[in-house]
């Protein structure tokens, strides 16, 4: 049994290889999923589990304690247990932050490789947190030479990230969106920041930030203008506000969600023209954690 930290994986993982591993994982058996939430006041324990025949079992548990930073401690702590498929033996304990970092951006990269135009040359990232940093690296790997622009509500954070990576900050979101070929949103917004009226034909929209039932990044107009895809129907439609709210309000119907990664990887769904707008909801999910954990274990086993 191995214990794998972020330091162990430094410089040994590859975004394209992970994206390929996630695609390969979606050609196999579908996952059985289970989530558990426990709370103590404002503190939360979240455990997400997946079992995929042929890949084994993963259980990722994280604690979220908002009071920790006042004590000089991180608010989120956790680990993922990876179990062997045939015998159920514990193979690895992997730092949850490492898994989540690579899973989240790798999920979006796979969606973009399957849905964005192949000639996409301009990326706008909406948000300037940790996920934005991972997206810069992932998209640069998947779309070599792509020009990256950053927008954030707090301009100082946008400028800081732009300086760190040699990027261009965007001062006005309404102006920046139509200039981009790919728009990736990774905010903590609970009301939409991306408006459909700003979109233009041929774009790809990557929605990452919303992960609870009351969070949204794109408005109804954006959903109506786009052809909608998700990473997993099971983890997005009835659980994340990005789709749960407009579905409940009748702004879109379930038939408007044209496929998930199982459909996209198999070739049963996807972009049909260079002029349509594609929209991909990255919802995460324990099955993607499991596939990412398998990739990490494999990558670190190579001398």
C-alpha atoms as a PDB file:
ATOM      1  CA  UNK A   1       0.000   0.000   0.000  1.00  0.00           C
ATOM      2  CA  UNK A   2       1.340   3.415  -1.019  1.00  0.00           C
ATOM      3  CA  UNK A   3       0.823   6.842   0.480  1.00  0.00           C
ATOM      4  CA  UNK A   4       0.997   9.464  -2.281  1.00  0.00           C
ATOM      5  CA  UNK A   5       1.390  13.181  -1.616  1.00  0.00           C
ATOM      6  CA  UNK A   6       1.480  16.144  -3.986  1.00  0.00           C
ATOM      7  CA  UNK A   7       5.270  16.229  -3.595  1.00  0.00           C
ATOM      8  CA  UNK A   8       5.511  12.610  -4.786  1.00  0.00           C
ATOM      9  CA  UNK A   9       3.697  13.514  -8.018  1.00  0.00           C
ATOM     10  CA  UNK A  10       5.534  16.771  -8.733  1.00  0.00           C
ATOM     11  CA  UNK A  11       6.691  16.820 -12.360  1.00  0.00           C
ATOM     12  CA  UNK A  12       5.555  13.262 -13.048  1.00  0.00           C
ATOM     13  CA  UNK A  13       1.992  13.801 -14.276  1.00  0.00           C
ATOM     14  CA  UNK A  14       0.874  14.921 -17.732  1.00  0.00           C
ATOM     15  CA  UNK A  15      -2.391  16.625 -18.664  1.00  0.00           C
ATOM     16  CA  UNK A  16      -2.798  14.928 -22.038  1.00  0.00           C
ATOM     17  CA  UNK A  17      -2.015  11.513 -20.590  1.00  0.00           C
ATOM     18  CA  UNK A  18      -4.606  12.077 -17.849  1.00  0.00           C
ATOM     19  CA  UNK A  19      -7.167  13.235 -20.414  1.00  0.00           C
ATOM     20  CA  UNK A  20      -6.535  10.074 -22.431  1.00  0.00           C
ATOM     21  CA  UNK A  21      -6.882   7.954 -19.283  1.00  0.00           C
ATOM     22  CA  UNK A  22     -10.239   9.572 -18.467  1.00  0.00           C
ATOM     23  CA  UNK A  23     -11.419   8.908 -22.017  1.00  0.00           C
ATOM     24  CA  UNK A  24     -10.317   5.292 -21.771  1.00  0.00           C
ATOM     25  CA  UNK A  25     -12.120   4.949 -18.455  1.00  0.00           C
ATOM     26  CA  UNK A  26     -15.393   6.019 -20.083  1.00  0.00           C
ATOM     27  CA  UNK A  27     -15.175   3.190 -22.599  1.00  0.00           C
ATOM     28  CA  UNK A  28     -15.563   0.619 -19.831  1.00  0.00           C
ATOM     29  CA  UNK A  29     -18.265  -0.216 -17.310  1.00  0.00           C
ATOM     30  CA  UNK A  30     -20.327   2.590 -15.804  1.00  0.00           C
ATOM     31  CA  UNK A  31     -19.701   3.501 -12.203  1.00  0.00           C
ATOM     32  CA  UNK A  32     -21.848   2.836  -9.169  1.00  0.00           C
ATOM     33  CA  UNK A  33     -21.784   6.027  -7.100  1.00  0.00           C
ATOM     34  CA  UNK A  34     -22.576   7.004  -3.518  1.00  0.00           C
ATOM     35  CA  UNK A  35     -22.200  10.259  -1.569  1.00  0.00           C
ATOM     36  CA  UNK A  36     -22.479  10.954   2.156  1.00  0.00           C
ATOM     37  CA  UNK A  37     -22.639  14.298   3.989  1.00  0.00           C
ATOM     38  CA  UNK A  38     -22.227  14.724   7.745  1.00  0.00           C
ATOM     39  CA  UNK A  39     -22.391  18.103   9.470  1.00  0.00           C
ATOM     40  CA  UNK A  40     -21.581  19.656  12.844  1.00  0.00           C
ATOM     41  CA  UNK A  41     -22.792  23.218  12.830  1.00  0.00           C
ATOM     42  CA  UNK A  42     -20.879  24.895  10.015  1.00  0.00           C
ATOM     43  CA  UNK A  43     -18.421  21.999   9.666  1.00  0.00           C
ATOM     44  CA  UNK A  44     -18.868  19.337   6.985  1.00  0.00           C
ATOM     45  CA  UNK A  45     -17.575  15.878   6.180  1.00  0.00           C
ATOM     46  CA  UNK A  46     -18.121  14.870   2.558  1.00  0.00           C
ATOM     47  CA  UNK A  47     -17.413  11.328   1.400  1.00  0.00           C
ATOM     48  CA  UNK A  48     -17.803  10.323  -2.236  1.00  0.00           C
ATOM     49  CA  UNK A  49     -17.412   6.732  -3.416  1.00  0.00           C
ATOM     50  CA  UNK A  50     -17.276   5.010  -6.801  1.00  0.00           C
ATOM     51  CA  UNK A  51     -17.024   1.379  -7.824  1.00  0.00           C
ATOM     52  CA  UNK A  52     -16.166   0.613 -11.443  1.00  0.00           C
ATOM     53  CA  UNK A  53     -15.923  -3.013 -12.541  1.00  0.00           C
ATOM     54  CA  UNK A  54     -12.375  -3.442 -13.797  1.00  0.00           C
ATOM     55  CA  UNK A  55     -10.996  -0.336 -12.063  1.00  0.00           C
ATOM     56  CA  UNK A  56     -11.805  -0.972  -8.433  1.00  0.00           C
ATOM     57  CA  UNK A  57     -13.128   1.280  -5.702  1.00  0.00           C
ATOM     58  CA  UNK A  58     -12.306   4.818  -4.607  1.00  0.00           C
ATOM     59  CA  UNK A  59     -13.535   6.632  -1.510  1.00  0.00           C
ATOM     60  CA  UNK A  60     -12.563  10.285  -1.164  1.00  0.00           C
ATOM     61  CA  UNK A  61     -13.356  11.943   2.153  1.00  0.00           C
ATOM     62  CA  UNK A  62     -12.755  15.589   2.969  1.00  0.00           C
ATOM     63  CA  UNK A  63     -13.494  17.725   6.003  1.00  0.00           C
ATOM     64  CA  UNK A  64     -14.436  21.381   5.514  1.00  0.00           C
ATOM     65  CA  UNK A  65     -13.978  23.432   8.699  1.00  0.00           C
ATOM     66  CA  UNK A  66     -14.392  27.168   8.030  1.00  0.00           C
ATOM     67  CA  UNK A  67     -12.827  28.073  11.384  1.00  0.00           C
ATOM     68  CA  UNK A  68      -9.473  26.478  10.618  1.00  0.00           C
ATOM     69  CA  UNK A  69      -7.824  29.449   8.860  1.00  0.00           C
ATOM     70  CA  UNK A  70      -8.115  31.481  12.068  1.00  0.00           C
ATOM     71  CA  UNK A  71      -5.832  28.858  13.636  1.00  0.00           C
ATOM     72  CA  UNK A  72      -3.428  28.898  10.724  1.00  0.00           C
ATOM     73  CA  UNK A  73      -4.795  25.626   9.344  1.00  0.00           C
ATOM     74  CA  UNK A  74      -6.321  24.807   5.928  1.00  0.00           C
ATOM     75  CA  UNK A  75     -10.110  24.718   5.859  1.00  0.00           C
ATOM     76  CA  UNK A  76     -10.205  21.615   3.622  1.00  0.00           C
ATOM     77  CA  UNK A  77      -8.390  18.372   4.480  1.00  0.00           C
ATOM     78  CA  UNK A  78      -8.797  14.895   3.102  1.00  0.00           C
ATOM     79  CA  UNK A  79      -7.556  11.783   1.368  1.00  0.00           C
ATOM     80  CA  UNK A  80      -8.701   9.208  -1.151  1.00  0.00           C
ATOM     81  CA  UNK A  81      -8.537   5.456  -0.576  1.00  0.00           C
ATOM     82  CA  UNK A  82      -7.964   3.379  -3.701  1.00  0.00           C
ATOM     83  CA  UNK A  83      -8.903  -0.314  -3.540  1.00  0.00           C
ATOM     84  CA  UNK A  84      -7.884  -3.070  -5.945  1.00  0.00           C
ATOM     85  CA  UNK A  85     -10.728  -4.354  -8.114  1.00  0.00           C
ATOM     86  CA  UNK A  86     -10.372  -8.132  -7.855  1.00  0.00           C
ATOM     87  CA  UNK A  87      -9.500  -8.579  -4.181  1.00  0.00           C
ATOM     88  CA  UNK A  88     -10.672  -5.319  -2.615  1.00  0.00           C
ATOM     89  CA  UNK A  89      -7.283  -4.786  -0.992  1.00  0.00           C
ATOM     90  CA  UNK A  90      -6.173  -1.229  -0.219  1.00  0.00           C
ATOM     91  CA  UNK A  91      -3.629  -0.134  -2.841  1.00  0.00           C
ATOM     92  CA  UNK A  92      -3.036   3.533  -2.083  1.00  0.00           C
ATOM     93  CA  UNK A  93      -3.904   6.530   0.050  1.00  0.00           C
ATOM     94  CA  UNK A  94      -3.693   9.647  -2.127  1.00  0.00           C
ATOM     95  CA  UNK A  95      -3.831  13.279  -0.998  1.00  0.00           C
ATOM     96  CA  UNK A  96      -7.304  14.547  -1.915  1.00  0.00           C
ATOM     97  CA  UNK A  97      -6.035  17.951  -3.039  1.00  0.00           C
ATOM     98  CA  UNK A  98      -3.767  16.259  -5.586  1.00  0.00           C
ATOM     99  CA  UNK A  99      -6.620  14.112  -6.924  1.00  0.00           C
ATOM    100  CA  UNK A 100      -9.073  17.014  -7.085  1.00  0.00           C
ATOM    101  CA  UNK A 101      -6.619  19.340  -8.824  1.00  0.00           C
ATOM    102  CA  UNK A 102      -5.885  16.912 -11.634  1.00  0.00           C
ATOM    103  CA  UNK A 103      -9.419  15.492 -11.854  1.00  0.00           C
ATOM    104  CA  UNK A 104     -11.083  18.898 -12.161  1.00  0.00           C
ATOM    105  CA  UNK A 105      -8.925  20.413 -14.887  1.00  0.00           C
ATOM    106  CA  UNK A 106      -8.500  17.057 -16.640  1.00  0.00           C
ATOM    107  CA  UNK A 107     -12.282  16.680 -16.824  1.00  0.00           C
ATOM    108  CA  UNK A 108     -12.598  20.082 -18.491  1.00  0.00           C
ATOM    109  CA  UNK A 109      -9.715  19.404 -20.851  1.00  0.00           C
ATOM    110  CA  UNK A 110     -11.317  16.170 -22.017  1.00  0.00           C
ATOM    111  CA  UNK A 111     -14.624  17.975 -22.570  1.00  0.00           C
ATOM    112  CA  UNK A 112     -12.894  20.657 -24.625  1.00  0.00           C
ATOM    113  CA  UNK A 113     -10.887  18.149 -26.677  1.00  0.00           C
ATOM    114  CA  UNK A 114     -14.170  16.453 -27.576  1.00  0.00           C
ATOM    115  CA  UNK A 115     -16.334  19.549 -28.098  1.00  0.00           C
ATOM    116  CA  UNK A 116     -14.312  22.689 -28.856  1.00  0.00           C
ATOM    117  CA  UNK A 117     -13.286  23.601 -32.369  1.00  0.00           C
ATOM    118  CA  UNK A 118      -9.897  22.170 -33.237  1.00  0.00           C
ATOM    119  CA  UNK A 119      -8.675  25.619 -34.306  1.00  0.00           C
ATOM    120  CA  UNK A 120      -9.556  27.254 -30.958  1.00  0.00           C
ATOM    121  CA  UNK A 121      -6.799  29.777 -30.284  1.00  0.00           C
ATOM    122  CA  UNK A 122      -8.151  32.045 -27.543  1.00  0.00           C
ATOM    123  CA  UNK A 123      -9.159  30.996 -24.031  1.00  0.00           C
ATOM    124  CA  UNK A 124     -10.890  33.195 -21.460  1.00  0.00           C
ATOM    125  CA  UNK A 125     -10.762  31.943 -17.865  1.00  0.00           C
ATOM    126  CA  UNK A 126     -13.388  33.515 -15.600  1.00  0.00           C
ATOM    127  CA  UNK A 127     -12.038  33.227 -12.070  1.00  0.00           C
ATOM    128  CA  UNK A 128      -8.558  33.487 -10.577  1.00  0.00           C
ATOM    129  CA  UNK A 129      -8.328  30.830  -7.874  1.00  0.00           C
ATOM    130  CA  UNK A 130      -6.559  27.484  -7.650  1.00  0.00           C
ATOM    131  CA  UNK A 131      -8.698  25.899 -10.373  1.00  0.00           C
ATOM    132  CA  UNK A 132      -7.821  28.725 -12.764  1.00  0.00           C
ATOM    133  CA  UNK A 133      -4.125  27.956 -12.279  1.00  0.00           C
ATOM    134  CA  UNK A 134      -4.707  24.305 -13.181  1.00  0.00           C
ATOM    135  CA  UNK A 135      -6.791  25.273 -16.208  1.00  0.00           C
ATOM    136  CA  UNK A 136      -3.972  27.416 -17.604  1.00  0.00           C
ATOM    137  CA  UNK A 137      -1.646  24.414 -17.569  1.00  0.00           C
ATOM    138  CA  UNK A 138      -4.241  21.901 -18.807  1.00  0.00           C
ATOM    139  CA  UNK A 139      -5.521  23.997 -21.703  1.00  0.00           C
ATOM    140  CA  UNK A 140      -2.015  24.956 -22.781  1.00  0.00           C
ATOM    141  CA  UNK A 141      -1.192  21.243 -22.973  1.00  0.00           C
ATOM    142  CA  UNK A 142      -4.316  20.390 -24.936  1.00  0.00           C
ATOM    143  CA  UNK A 143      -4.316  23.417 -27.231  1.00  0.00           C
ATOM    144  CA  UNK A 144      -0.670  24.351 -27.846  1.00  0.00           C
ATOM    145  CA  UNK A 145      -0.143  28.041 -28.476  1.00  0.00           C
ATOM    146  CA  UNK A 146      -3.543  29.067 -27.132  1.00  0.00           C
ATOM    147  CA  UNK A 147      -3.687  32.673 -25.909  1.00  0.00           C
ATOM    148  CA  UNK A 148      -5.095  32.910 -22.375  1.00  0.00           C
ATOM    149  CA  UNK A 149      -6.959  35.851 -20.851  1.00  0.00           C
ATOM    150  CA  UNK A 150      -8.064  36.092 -17.204  1.00  0.00           C
ATOM    151  CA  UNK A 151     -11.083  37.874 -15.741  1.00  0.00           C
ATOM    152  CA  UNK A 152     -12.030  38.016 -12.069  1.00  0.00           C
ATOM    153  CA  UNK A 153     -14.417  40.119  -9.999  1.00  0.00           C
ATOM    154  CA  UNK A 154     -11.445  41.244  -7.910  1.00  0.00           C
ATOM    155  CA  UNK A 155      -9.145  42.840 -10.473  1.00  0.00           C
ATOM    156  CA  UNK A 156      -6.109  42.560  -8.219  1.00  0.00           C
ATOM    157  CA  UNK A 157      -6.417  38.756  -8.235  1.00  0.00           C
ATOM    158  CA  UNK A 158      -6.749  38.733 -12.026  1.00  0.00           C
ATOM    159  CA  UNK A 159      -3.628  40.884 -12.347  1.00  0.00           C
ATOM    160  CA  UNK A 160      -1.709  38.676  -9.895  1.00  0.00           C
ATOM    161  CA  UNK A 161      -2.521  35.507 -11.839  1.00  0.00           C
ATOM    162  CA  UNK A 162      -1.798  37.238 -15.140  1.00  0.00           C
ATOM    163  CA  UNK A 163       1.619  38.341 -13.885  1.00  0.00           C
ATOM    164  CA  UNK A 164       2.389  34.866 -12.546  1.00  0.00           C
ATOM    165  CA  UNK A 165       1.730  33.113 -15.868  1.00  0.00           C
ATOM    166  CA  UNK A 166       2.419  35.885 -18.362  1.00  0.00           C
ATOM    167  CA  UNK A 167      -1.249  36.237 -19.293  1.00  0.00           C
ATOM    168  CA  UNK A 168      -3.471  39.089 -20.354  1.00  0.00           C
ATOM    169  CA  UNK A 169      -6.023  40.358 -17.807  1.00  0.00           C
ATOM    170  CA  UNK A 170      -9.475  41.279 -19.107  1.00  0.00           C
ATOM    171  CA  UNK A 171     -11.038  44.431 -17.732  1.00  0.00           C
ATOM    172  CA  UNK A 172     -14.568  43.968 -19.068  1.00  0.00           C
ATOM    173  CA  UNK A 173     -16.242  40.553 -19.166  1.00  0.00           C
ATOM    174  CA  UNK A 174     -18.886  41.511 -21.746  1.00  0.00           C
ATOM    175  CA  UNK A 175     -16.117  42.502 -24.138  1.00  0.00           C
ATOM    176  CA  UNK A 176     -13.811  39.565 -23.364  1.00  0.00           C
ATOM    177  CA  UNK A 177     -16.368  36.761 -23.810  1.00  0.00           C
ATOM    178  CA  UNK A 178     -17.104  37.226 -27.542  1.00  0.00           C
ATOM    179  CA  UNK A 179     -13.378  37.490 -28.291  1.00  0.00           C
ATOM    180  CA  UNK A 180     -12.687  34.010 -26.900  1.00  0.00           C
ATOM    181  CA  UNK A 181     -13.014  30.662 -28.647  1.00  0.00           C
ATOM    182  CA  UNK A 182     -13.280  28.841 -25.300  1.00  0.00           C
ATOM    183  CA  UNK A 183     -14.780  30.372 -22.151  1.00  0.00           C
ATOM    184  CA  UNK A 184     -13.963  28.471 -18.943  1.00  0.00           C
ATOM    185  CA  UNK A 185     -15.748  29.589 -15.761  1.00  0.00           C
ATOM    186  CA  UNK A 186     -14.338  28.542 -12.383  1.00  0.00           C
ATOM    187  CA  UNK A 187     -15.988  30.878  -9.883  1.00  0.00           C
ATOM    188  CA  UNK A 188     -17.904  30.481  -6.648  1.00  0.00           C
ATOM    189  CA  UNK A 189     -20.907  32.334  -8.095  1.00  0.00           C
ATOM    190  CA  UNK A 190     -24.410  31.610  -6.876  1.00  0.00           C
ATOM    191  CA  UNK A 191     -25.973  33.842  -9.529  1.00  0.00           C
ATOM    192  CA  UNK A 192     -24.895  33.758 -13.189  1.00  0.00           C
ATOM    193  CA  UNK A 193     -21.839  35.729 -14.274  1.00  0.00           C
ATOM    194  CA  UNK A 194     -21.914  34.540 -17.902  1.00  0.00           C
ATOM    195  CA  UNK A 195     -24.705  35.915 -20.073  1.00  0.00           C
ATOM    196  CA  UNK A 196     -25.919  34.210 -23.199  1.00  0.00           C
ATOM    197  CA  UNK A 197     -26.184  37.460 -25.123  1.00  0.00           C
ATOM    198  CA  UNK A 198     -22.372  37.723 -25.026  1.00  0.00           C
ATOM    199  CA  UNK A 199     -21.782  34.385 -26.747  1.00  0.00           C
ATOM    200  CA  UNK A 200     -21.048  34.027 -30.456  1.00  0.00           C
ATOM    201  CA  UNK A 201     -21.319  31.088 -32.874  1.00  0.00           C
ATOM    202  CA  UNK A 202     -18.556  28.495 -32.713  1.00  0.00           C
ATOM    203  CA  UNK A 203     -17.610  28.965 -29.080  1.00  0.00           C
ATOM    204  CA  UNK A 204     -17.160  26.308 -26.428  1.00  0.00           C
ATOM    205  CA  UNK A 205     -18.261  27.051 -22.853  1.00  0.00           C
ATOM    206  CA  UNK A 206     -16.728  25.137 -19.946  1.00  0.00           C
ATOM    207  CA  UNK A 207     -18.625  25.514 -16.641  1.00  0.00           C
ATOM    208  CA  UNK A 208     -16.729  24.275 -13.593  1.00  0.00           C
ATOM    209  CA  UNK A 209     -17.422  26.342 -10.491  1.00  0.00           C
ATOM    210  CA  UNK A 210     -20.968  25.408  -9.462  1.00  0.00           C
ATOM    211  CA  UNK A 211     -21.040  22.289  -7.294  1.00  0.00           C
ATOM    212  CA  UNK A 212     -24.059  22.754  -4.986  1.00  0.00           C
ATOM    213  CA  UNK A 213     -27.777  22.955  -5.657  1.00  0.00           C
ATOM    214  CA  UNK A 214     -27.862  26.758  -5.323  1.00  0.00           C
ATOM    215  CA  UNK A 215     -24.869  27.655  -7.508  1.00  0.00           C
ATOM    216  CA  UNK A 216     -24.893  28.833 -11.144  1.00  0.00           C
ATOM    217  CA  UNK A 217     -22.380  30.477 -13.481  1.00  0.00           C
ATOM    218  CA  UNK A 218     -24.364  30.770 -16.757  1.00  0.00           C
ATOM    219  CA  UNK A 219     -27.801  32.280 -17.296  1.00  0.00           C
ATOM    220  CA  UNK A 220     -30.804  30.697 -19.025  1.00  0.00           C
ATOM    221  CA  UNK A 221     -30.007  32.457 -22.306  1.00  0.00           C
ATOM    222  CA  UNK A 222     -26.571  30.797 -22.424  1.00  0.00           C
ATOM    223  CA  UNK A 223     -28.123  27.366 -21.895  1.00  0.00           C
ATOM    224  CA  UNK A 224     -30.774  27.958 -24.535  1.00  0.00           C
ATOM    225  CA  UNK A 225     -28.248  29.172 -27.127  1.00  0.00           C
ATOM    226  CA  UNK A 226     -25.890  26.240 -26.618  1.00  0.00           C
ATOM    227  CA  UNK A 227     -25.930  22.512 -27.231  1.00  0.00           C
ATOM    228  CA  UNK A 228     -25.563  21.164 -23.680  1.00  0.00           C
ATOM    229  CA  UNK A 229     -23.317  18.312 -22.551  1.00  0.00           C
ATOM    230  CA  UNK A 230     -22.218  17.142 -19.087  1.00  0.00           C
ATOM    231  CA  UNK A 231     -19.482  14.960 -17.685  1.00  0.00           C
ATOM    232  CA  UNK A 232     -22.060  12.740 -15.967  1.00  0.00           C
ATOM    233  CA  UNK A 233     -25.833  12.837 -16.054  1.00  0.00           C
ATOM    234  CA  UNK A 234     -25.905  11.073 -12.675  1.00  0.00           C
ATOM    235  CA  UNK A 235     -23.922  13.776 -10.839  1.00  0.00           C
ATOM    236  CA  UNK A 236     -25.140  16.974 -12.511  1.00  0.00           C
ATOM    237  CA  UNK A 237     -28.775  17.131 -13.594  1.00  0.00           C
ATOM    238  CA  UNK A 238     -30.437  16.668 -10.207  1.00  0.00           C
ATOM    239  CA  UNK A 239     -27.667  17.843  -7.903  1.00  0.00           C
ATOM    240  CA  UNK A 240     -26.012  21.016  -9.214  1.00  0.00           C
ATOM    241  CA  UNK A 241     -27.862  24.310  -9.577  1.00  0.00           C
ATOM    242  CA  UNK A 242     -26.292  24.996 -12.971  1.00  0.00           C
ATOM    243  CA  UNK A 243     -28.785  22.558 -14.478  1.00  0.00           C
ATOM    244  CA  UNK A 244     -31.082  21.656 -11.589  1.00  0.00           C
ATOM    245  CA  UNK A 245     -32.497  25.193 -11.300  1.00  0.00           C
ATOM    246  CA  UNK A 246     -33.261  25.820 -15.007  1.00  0.00           C
ATOM    247  CA  UNK A 247     -34.683  22.297 -15.295  1.00  0.00           C
ATOM    248  CA  UNK A 248     -36.997  22.901 -12.331  1.00  0.00           C
ATOM    249  CA  UNK A 249     -38.083  26.275 -13.716  1.00  0.00           C
ATOM    250  CA  UNK A 250     -38.696  24.933 -17.214  1.00  0.00           C
ATOM    251  CA  UNK A 251     -36.019  27.054 -18.876  1.00  0.00           C
ATOM    252  CA  UNK A 252     -34.606  23.855 -20.392  1.00  0.00           C
ATOM    253  CA  UNK A 253     -35.752  20.242 -20.531  1.00  0.00           C
ATOM    254  CA  UNK A 254     -33.866  17.051 -19.781  1.00  0.00           C
ATOM    255  CA  UNK A 255     -33.848  16.274 -23.506  1.00  0.00           C
ATOM    256  CA  UNK A 256     -31.755  19.422 -24.018  1.00  0.00           C
ATOM    257  CA  UNK A 257     -28.831  17.664 -22.318  1.00  0.00           C
ATOM    258  CA  UNK A 258     -27.491  15.846 -25.360  1.00  0.00           C
ATOM    259  CA  UNK A 259     -24.903  13.574 -23.795  1.00  0.00           C
ATOM    260  CA  UNK A 260     -22.273  12.958 -21.150  1.00  0.00           C
ATOM    261  CA  UNK A 261     -18.674  11.762 -21.371  1.00  0.00           C
ATOM    262  CA  UNK A 262     -19.777   8.169 -21.916  1.00  0.00           C
ATOM    263  CA  UNK A 263     -21.671   9.315 -25.036  1.00  0.00           C
ATOM    264  CA  UNK A 264     -18.994  11.748 -26.190  1.00  0.00           C
ATOM    265  CA  UNK A 265     -16.075   9.326 -25.880  1.00  0.00           C
ATOM    266  CA  UNK A 266     -18.045   6.595 -27.660  1.00  0.00           C
ATOM    267  CA  UNK A 267     -18.822   8.987 -30.515  1.00  0.00           C
ATOM    268  CA  UNK A 268     -22.562   8.949 -29.939  1.00  0.00           C
ATOM    269  CA  UNK A 269     -22.758  12.705 -29.380  1.00  0.00           C
ATOM    270  CA  UNK A 270     -20.670  15.805 -29.971  1.00  0.00           C
ATOM    271  CA  UNK A 271     -20.172  18.990 -31.962  1.00  0.00           C
ATOM    272  CA  UNK A 272     -21.954  18.884 -35.303  1.00  0.00           C
ATOM    273  CA  UNK A 273     -20.787  22.131 -36.910  1.00  0.00           C
ATOM    274  CA  UNK A 274     -18.212  24.895 -36.529  1.00  0.00           C
ATOM    275  CA  UNK A 275     -20.959  27.463 -35.941  1.00  0.00           C
ATOM    276  CA  UNK A 276     -22.794  25.925 -33.009  1.00  0.00           C
ATOM    277  CA  UNK A 277     -22.084  26.841 -29.395  1.00  0.00           C
ATOM    278  CA  UNK A 278     -21.211  23.869 -27.195  1.00  0.00           C
ATOM    279  CA  UNK A 279     -21.549  23.964 -23.406  1.00  0.00           C
ATOM    280  CA  UNK A 280     -19.977  21.422 -21.040  1.00  0.00           C
ATOM    281  CA  UNK A 281     -20.858  21.179 -17.356  1.00  0.00           C
ATOM    282  CA  UNK A 282     -17.952  19.817 -15.329  1.00  0.00           C
ATOM    283  CA  UNK A 283     -19.574  18.400 -12.213  1.00  0.00           C
ATOM    284  CA  UNK A 284     -16.793  16.149 -11.012  1.00  0.00           C
ATOM    285  CA  UNK A 285     -17.818  12.922  -9.337  1.00  0.00           C
ATOM    286  CA  UNK A 286     -16.202  10.036  -7.530  1.00  0.00           C
ATOM    287  CA  UNK A 287     -15.896   7.986 -10.732  1.00  0.00           C
ATOM    288  CA  UNK A 288     -13.578  10.669 -12.117  1.00  0.00           C
ATOM    289  CA  UNK A 289     -11.639  10.639  -8.845  1.00  0.00           C
ATOM    290  CA  UNK A 290     -11.218   6.880  -9.259  1.00  0.00           C
ATOM    291  CA  UNK A 291     -10.036   7.194 -12.865  1.00  0.00           C
ATOM    292  CA  UNK A 292      -7.644   9.986 -11.875  1.00  0.00           C
ATOM    293  CA  UNK A 293      -6.324   7.961  -8.948  1.00  0.00           C
ATOM    294  CA  UNK A 294      -5.678   5.038 -11.272  1.00  0.00           C
ATOM    295  CA  UNK A 295      -3.760   7.334 -13.636  1.00  0.00           C
ATOM    296  CA  UNK A 296      -1.681   8.795 -10.784  1.00  0.00           C
ATOM    297  CA  UNK A 297      -0.802   5.350  -9.448  1.00  0.00           C
ATOM    298  CA  UNK A 298       0.173   4.187 -12.931  1.00  0.00           C
ATOM    299  CA  UNK A 299       2.244   7.308 -13.663  1.00  0.00           C
ATOM    300  CA  UNK A 300       4.188   7.003 -10.415  1.00  0.00           C
ATOM    301  CA  UNK A 301       4.848   3.310 -11.019  1.00  0.00           C
ATOM    302  CA  UNK A 302       6.821   4.213 -14.146  1.00  0.00           C
ATOM    303  CA  UNK A 303      10.548   4.705 -13.391  1.00  0.00           C
END
